[in-house]
Amino acid sequence: MKRIILLSVLVTSFYTTSSLCYAQDNNGTQTEQEQSVADSRADSFQTVSGPQKDEVSGGALMLGAYTVLWVGLLLYLLKLGKRSKTLEIRLGQLEKELNNKA
């Protein structure tokens, strides 16, 4: 039961985080106010040669970073759970051996 709760919390956190990443990505569109600010600077701004748009958006990079973080955390927690279970079994064996010798 604890694993189900832990897994549901992790999945919910992952999807909440990823939705925040995509919520901030506006696909390169500008509002009228942003466009007017950009136009007001156009007479003194000189463009640079080269690519005008990023090849990878920041939202996708952020989503990838959070994915790596959550997968790493999940693997670490699973490893700790496995170690805990192994220690529990070994402790039970030692207690049984102690009771047999006493």
C-alpha atoms as a PDB file:
ATOM      1  CA  MET A   1       0.000   0.000   0.000  1.00  0.00           C
ATOM      2  CA  LYS A   2       2.880   2.365   0.815  1.00  0.00           C
ATOM      3  CA  ARG A   3       4.389   1.761  -2.609  1.00  0.00           C
ATOM      4  CA  ILE A   4       1.139   2.642  -4.351  1.00  0.00           C
ATOM      5  CA  ILE A   5       0.872   5.895  -2.404  1.00  0.00           C
ATOM      6  CA  LEU A   6       4.517   6.751  -3.059  1.00  0.00           C
ATOM      7  CA  LEU A   7       4.177   5.968  -6.753  1.00  0.00           C
ATOM      8  CA  SER A   8       1.007   8.049  -7.078  1.00  0.00           C
ATOM      9  CA  VAL A   9       2.673  11.014  -5.344  1.00  0.00           C
ATOM     10  CA  LEU A  10       5.702  10.776  -7.633  1.00  0.00           C
ATOM     11  CA  VAL A  11       3.583  10.500 -10.796  1.00  0.00           C
ATOM     12  CA  THR A  12       1.410  13.426  -9.736  1.00  0.00           C
ATOM     13  CA  SER A  13       4.484  15.533  -8.971  1.00  0.00           C
ATOM     14  CA  PHE A  14       6.043  14.644 -12.306  1.00  0.00           C
ATOM     15  CA  TYR A  15       2.976  15.609 -14.339  1.00  0.00           C
ATOM     16  CA  THR A  16       2.437  18.789 -12.341  1.00  0.00           C
ATOM     17  CA  THR A  17       6.038  19.833 -12.933  1.00  0.00           C
ATOM     18  CA  SER A  18       5.919  19.021 -16.635  1.00  0.00           C
ATOM     19  CA  SER A  19       2.662  20.911 -17.107  1.00  0.00           C
ATOM     20  CA  LEU A  20       4.286  23.981 -15.550  1.00  0.00           C
ATOM     21  CA  CYS A  21       7.090  23.736 -18.089  1.00  0.00           C
ATOM     22  CA  TYR A  22       4.695  23.750 -21.012  1.00  0.00           C
ATOM     23  CA  ALA A  23       2.491  26.429 -19.468  1.00  0.00           C
ATOM     24  CA  GLN A  24       5.317  28.936 -19.864  1.00  0.00           C
ATOM     25  CA  ASP A  25       6.090  28.116 -23.475  1.00  0.00           C
ATOM     26  CA  ASN A  26       4.228  30.541 -25.775  1.00  0.00           C
ATOM     27  CA  ASN A  27       5.545  29.095 -29.065  1.00  0.00           C
ATOM     28  CA  GLY A  28       7.251  32.310 -30.099  1.00  0.00           C
ATOM     29  CA  THR A  29       4.059  34.410 -30.304  1.00  0.00           C
ATOM     30  CA  GLN A  30       4.068  37.929 -28.926  1.00  0.00           C
ATOM     31  CA  THR A  31       1.284  39.958 -27.419  1.00  0.00           C
ATOM     32  CA  GLU A  32       0.468  43.395 -28.805  1.00  0.00           C
ATOM     33  CA  GLN A  33       2.253  45.097 -25.924  1.00  0.00           C
ATOM     34  CA  GLU A  34       5.415  43.030 -26.448  1.00  0.00           C
ATOM     35  CA  GLN A  35       5.249  43.754 -30.171  1.00  0.00           C
ATOM     36  CA  SER A  36       4.890  47.513 -29.603  1.00  0.00           C
ATOM     37  CA  VAL A  37       7.876  47.508 -27.228  1.00  0.00           C
ATOM     38  CA  ALA A  38       9.891  45.595 -29.809  1.00  0.00           C
ATOM     39  CA  ASP A  39       8.823  48.034 -32.542  1.00  0.00           C
ATOM     40  CA  SER A  40       9.806  51.060 -30.436  1.00  0.00           C
ATOM     41  CA  ARG A  41      13.340  49.706 -30.157  1.00  0.00           C
ATOM     42  CA  ALA A  42      13.546  48.759 -33.826  1.00  0.00           C
ATOM     43  CA  ASP A  43      14.999  52.079 -34.985  1.00  0.00           C
ATOM     44  CA  SER A  44      18.086  51.781 -32.749  1.00  0.00           C
ATOM     45  CA  PHE A  45      18.457  48.018 -32.626  1.00  0.00           C
ATOM     46  CA  GLN A  46      20.740  46.302 -35.099  1.00  0.00           C
ATOM     47  CA  THR A  47      20.152  42.674 -35.846  1.00  0.00           C
ATOM     48  CA  VAL A  48      22.868  40.084 -35.693  1.00  0.00           C
ATOM     49  CA  SER A  49      23.544  37.578 -38.408  1.00  0.00           C
ATOM     50  CA  GLY A  50      22.787  33.965 -37.603  1.00  0.00           C
ATOM     51  CA  PRO A  51      19.834  31.974 -36.379  1.00  0.00           C
ATOM     52  CA  GLN A  52      16.857  33.996 -35.240  1.00  0.00           C
ATOM     53  CA  LYS A  53      15.196  31.272 -33.180  1.00  0.00           C
ATOM     54  CA  ASP A  54      16.441  28.748 -30.659  1.00  0.00           C
ATOM     55  CA  GLU A  55      16.596  25.208 -31.965  1.00  0.00           C
ATOM     56  CA  VAL A  56      15.441  23.736 -28.656  1.00  0.00           C
ATOM     57  CA  SER A  57      12.921  25.644 -26.576  1.00  0.00           C
ATOM     58  CA  GLY A  58      13.546  26.290 -22.904  1.00  0.00           C
ATOM     59  CA  GLY A  59      10.384  24.433 -21.922  1.00  0.00           C
ATOM     60  CA  ALA A  60      11.595  21.232 -23.553  1.00  0.00           C
ATOM     61  CA  LEU A  61      14.968  21.517 -21.837  1.00  0.00           C
ATOM     62  CA  MET A  62      13.298  22.123 -18.492  1.00  0.00           C
ATOM     63  CA  LEU A  63      10.995  19.153 -19.010  1.00  0.00           C
ATOM     64  CA  GLY A  64      13.982  16.960 -19.828  1.00  0.00           C
ATOM     65  CA  ALA A  65      15.827  18.127 -16.723  1.00  0.00           C
ATOM     66  CA  TYR A  66      12.836  17.424 -14.482  1.00  0.00           C
ATOM     67  CA  THR A  67      12.386  14.016 -16.102  1.00  0.00           C
ATOM     68  CA  VAL A  68      15.994  13.085 -15.353  1.00  0.00           C
ATOM     69  CA  LEU A  69      15.597  14.370 -11.792  1.00  0.00           C
ATOM     70  CA  TRP A  70      12.390  12.405 -11.095  1.00  0.00           C
ATOM     71  CA  VAL A  71      13.673   9.201 -12.688  1.00  0.00           C
ATOM     72  CA  GLY A  72      16.873   9.445 -10.643  1.00  0.00           C
ATOM     73  CA  LEU A  73      14.912  10.068  -7.467  1.00  0.00           C
ATOM     74  CA  LEU A  74      12.576   7.153  -8.159  1.00  0.00           C
ATOM     75  CA  LEU A  75      15.498   4.800  -8.829  1.00  0.00           C
ATOM     76  CA  TYR A  76      17.215   5.932  -5.643  1.00  0.00           C
ATOM     77  CA  LEU A  77      14.060   5.338  -3.577  1.00  0.00           C
ATOM     78  CA  LEU A  78      13.579   1.898  -5.117  1.00  0.00           C
ATOM     79  CA  LYS A  79      17.190   1.034  -4.291  1.00  0.00           C
ATOM     80  CA  LEU A  80      16.712   2.179  -0.688  1.00  0.00           C
ATOM     81  CA  GLY A  81      13.538   0.100  -0.416  1.00  0.00           C
ATOM     82  CA  LYS A  82      15.326  -2.988  -1.687  1.00  0.00           C
ATOM     83  CA  ARG A  83      18.181  -2.486   0.773  1.00  0.00           C
ATOM     84  CA  SER A  84      15.727  -1.986   3.612  1.00  0.00           C
ATOM     85  CA  LYS A  85      13.911  -5.197   2.758  1.00  0.00           C
ATOM     86  CA  THR A  86      17.221  -7.102   2.556  1.00  0.00           C
ATOM     87  CA  LEU A  87      18.278  -5.752   5.962  1.00  0.00           C
ATOM     88  CA  GLU A  88      14.907  -6.682   7.431  1.00  0.00           C
ATOM     89  CA  ILE A  89      15.274 -10.270   6.206  1.00  0.00           C
ATOM     90  CA  ARG A  90      18.837 -10.494   7.523  1.00  0.00           C
ATOM     91  CA  LEU A  91      17.776  -9.077  10.901  1.00  0.00           C
ATOM     92  CA  GLY A  92      15.021 -11.687  11.118  1.00  0.00           C
ATOM     93  CA  GLN A  93      17.543 -14.437  10.401  1.00  0.00           C
ATOM     94  CA  LEU A  94      19.909 -13.145  13.090  1.00  0.00           C
ATOM     95  CA  GLU A  95      17.093 -12.935  15.643  1.00  0.00           C
ATOM     96  CA  LYS A  96      16.094 -16.497  14.807  1.00  0.00           C
ATOM     97  CA  GLU A  97      19.704 -17.683  15.261  1.00  0.00           C
ATOM     98  CA  LEU A  98      19.931 -15.844  18.600  1.00  0.00           C
ATOM     99  CA  ASN A  99      16.712 -17.451  19.837  1.00  0.00           C
ATOM    100  CA  ASN A 100      17.934 -20.924  18.792  1.00  0.00           C
ATOM    101  CA  LYS A 101      21.232 -20.534  20.687  1.00  0.00           C
ATOM    102  CA  ALA A 102      19.616 -19.188  23.853  1.00  0.00           C
END
